Amino acid sequence: MSLERVNPSELSPATGFSHAVTAIGGRLVFLAGQTALDTEGKVTGTTLPEQFELALTNLLTALRHAGGTPADLARVTVYATDVADYRKQAAELGRIWRRLAGREYPAMAVIGAVRLWDEECLVELDGVAVLD
């Protein structure tokens, strides 16, 4: 299996994401939306960076148990209840991403959501990975 990240020079610079990711061979893993729920099912953290870190950790935990690594992520969608706050804190969120998932960025989108399943949640991440 191989993933190729495609970032054409005709598009804006890809900072913290890839414009396209091609996958050849492999097995698809669809990752359910993950929020800042701890092992007891309680929302943890009150700030966007705190919740983003746990949501990403949860997503990567599910991926690891499916046999994958962060480099196998082809697509991640971020649902944020406050996109303006997400943009304002993008540098910190990027540091969290790089610390937990590295610099092999999937194709990504950030979508504004009025509310998530648990009202206290500020962010949710889902994804698709391609494994060998």
Protein backbone atom coordinates (compact mmCIF):
# COMPACT_ATOMS: atom_id res chain seq x y z
CA MET A 1 0.00 0.00 0.00
CA SER A 2 1.17 3.48 -0.66
CA LEU A 3 -0.23 6.93 -0.04
CA GLU A 4 0.89 9.86 -2.12
CA ARG A 5 0.22 13.37 -0.92
CA VAL A 6 -0.49 15.73 -3.83
CA ASN A 7 -0.06 19.48 -3.39
CA PRO A 8 -0.11 21.23 -6.80
CA SER A 9 1.80 24.48 -7.11
CA GLU A 10 -1.29 26.00 -8.77
CA LEU A 11 -3.16 25.82 -5.42
CA SER A 12 -2.57 27.74 -2.21
CA PRO A 13 0.21 26.34 -0.03
CA ALA A 14 -0.95 23.28 1.93
CA THR A 15 -0.23 24.13 5.54
CA GLY A 16 -1.32 21.42 7.98
CA PHE A 17 -3.17 19.39 5.33
CA SER A 18 -2.73 17.91 1.86
CA HIS A 19 -4.86 18.98 -1.10
CA ALA A 20 -5.24 15.37 -2.27
CA VAL A 21 -4.09 11.94 -1.18
CA THR A 22 -4.00 8.98 -3.53
CA ALA A 23 -4.07 5.44 -2.17
CA ILE A 24 -2.89 2.38 -4.05
CA GLY A 25 -3.72 -1.08 -2.72
CA GLY A 26 -4.50 -1.78 0.86
CA ARG A 27 -7.46 -2.02 3.17
CA LEU A 28 -9.73 0.90 4.06
CA VAL A 29 -10.40 1.76 7.70
CA PHE A 30 -13.30 4.13 8.37
CA LEU A 31 -12.83 5.88 11.69
CA ALA A 32 -15.91 7.00 13.59
CA GLY A 33 -16.15 10.53 14.91
CA GLN A 34 -14.14 10.96 18.09
CA THR A 35 -14.59 13.67 20.68
CA ALA A 36 -13.02 14.45 24.04
CA LEU A 37 -14.66 11.50 25.81
CA ASP A 38 -12.53 9.73 28.39
CA THR A 39 -12.68 6.00 29.11
CA GLU A 40 -15.68 6.61 31.39
CA GLY A 41 -17.60 8.32 28.58
CA LYS A 42 -17.29 11.77 30.15
CA VAL A 43 -16.27 14.90 28.24
CA THR A 44 -12.80 15.99 29.35
CA GLY A 45 -11.35 19.46 28.90
CA THR A 46 -13.03 22.82 28.57
CA THR A 47 -10.82 24.47 25.95
CA LEU A 48 -10.55 23.70 22.26
CA PRO A 49 -6.88 22.61 22.46
CA GLU A 50 -7.60 20.27 25.39
CA GLN A 51 -10.56 18.71 23.61
CA PHE A 52 -8.75 18.55 20.25
CA GLU A 53 -5.85 16.68 21.84
CA LEU A 54 -8.11 14.03 23.39
CA ALA A 55 -10.28 13.70 20.26
CA LEU A 56 -7.16 13.19 18.13
CA THR A 57 -5.73 10.76 20.69
CA ASN A 58 -8.99 8.80 20.57
CA LEU A 59 -8.98 8.76 16.75
CA LEU A 60 -5.38 7.55 16.68
CA THR A 61 -6.14 4.91 19.33
CA ALA A 62 -8.95 3.50 17.19
CA LEU A 63 -6.63 3.58 14.18
CA ARG A 64 -3.81 1.84 16.07
CA HIS A 65 -6.17 -0.93 17.21
CA ALA A 66 -7.27 -1.39 13.58
CA GLY A 67 -3.60 -1.93 12.69
CA GLY A 68 -2.71 1.53 11.42
CA THR A 69 -0.49 4.48 12.18
CA PRO A 70 -1.01 8.24 11.72
CA ALA A 71 0.87 8.06 8.40
CA ASP A 72 -1.94 5.79 7.09
CA LEU A 73 -4.55 8.55 7.41
CA ALA A 74 -5.82 9.54 3.97
CA ARG A 75 -8.66 11.84 5.09
CA VAL A 76 -9.69 13.57 8.32
CA THR A 77 -12.73 15.77 8.82
CA VAL A 78 -12.84 18.16 11.78
CA TYR A 79 -16.21 19.36 13.03
CA ALA A 80 -15.88 22.50 15.15
CA THR A 81 -18.62 24.33 17.02
CA ASP A 82 -16.69 27.62 16.65
CA VAL A 83 -14.70 27.85 13.42
CA ALA A 84 -13.45 31.36 14.29
CA ASP A 85 -11.96 30.01 17.53
CA TYR A 86 -10.50 27.04 15.60
CA ARG A 87 -8.77 29.44 13.20
CA LYS A 88 -7.54 31.60 16.07
CA GLN A 89 -6.00 28.57 17.78
CA ALA A 90 -4.78 26.88 14.58
CA ALA A 91 -1.08 27.22 15.50
CA GLU A 92 -1.59 25.44 18.84
CA LEU A 93 -3.79 22.78 17.24
CA GLY A 94 -1.09 22.26 14.61
CA ARG A 95 1.51 21.71 17.33
CA ILE A 96 -0.76 19.13 18.95
CA TRP A 97 -1.28 17.40 15.57
CA ARG A 98 2.46 17.25 14.84
CA ARG A 99 3.27 15.93 18.33
CA LEU A 100 0.67 13.14 18.12
CA ALA A 101 0.40 12.40 14.39
CA GLY A 102 3.57 13.76 12.78
CA ARG A 103 3.95 15.74 9.57
CA GLU A 104 2.36 13.35 7.05
CA TYR A 105 -0.87 15.29 6.62
CA PRO A 106 -4.05 13.74 5.24
CA ALA A 107 -6.57 15.54 3.08
CA MET A 108 -8.55 17.56 5.63
CA ALA A 109 -11.59 19.76 6.03
CA VAL A 110 -12.88 21.82 8.94
CA ILE A 111 -16.65 22.08 9.05
CA GLY A 112 -18.66 24.33 11.35
CA ALA A 113 -21.25 22.47 13.42
CA VAL A 114 -24.00 24.09 15.43
CA ARG A 115 -23.58 21.44 18.10
CA LEU A 116 -22.12 17.98 18.55
CA TRP A 117 -23.69 14.88 20.13
CA ASP A 118 -22.47 15.86 23.61
CA GLU A 119 -23.26 19.53 24.18
CA GLU A 120 -19.97 20.16 26.00
CA CYS A 121 -17.92 18.99 23.02
CA LEU A 122 -16.21 21.68 20.96
CA VAL A 123 -14.63 19.45 18.32
CA GLU A 124 -15.01 16.04 16.68
CA LEU A 125 -12.68 14.25 14.26
CA ASP A 126 -13.41 11.36 11.91
CA GLY A 127 -11.26 9.85 9.22
CA VAL A 128 -10.37 7.27 6.62
CA ALA A 129 -7.08 5.36 6.62
CA VAL A 130 -5.57 3.00 4.09
CA LEU A 131 -3.55 0.07 5.48
CA ASP A 132 -1.31 -2.51 3.82
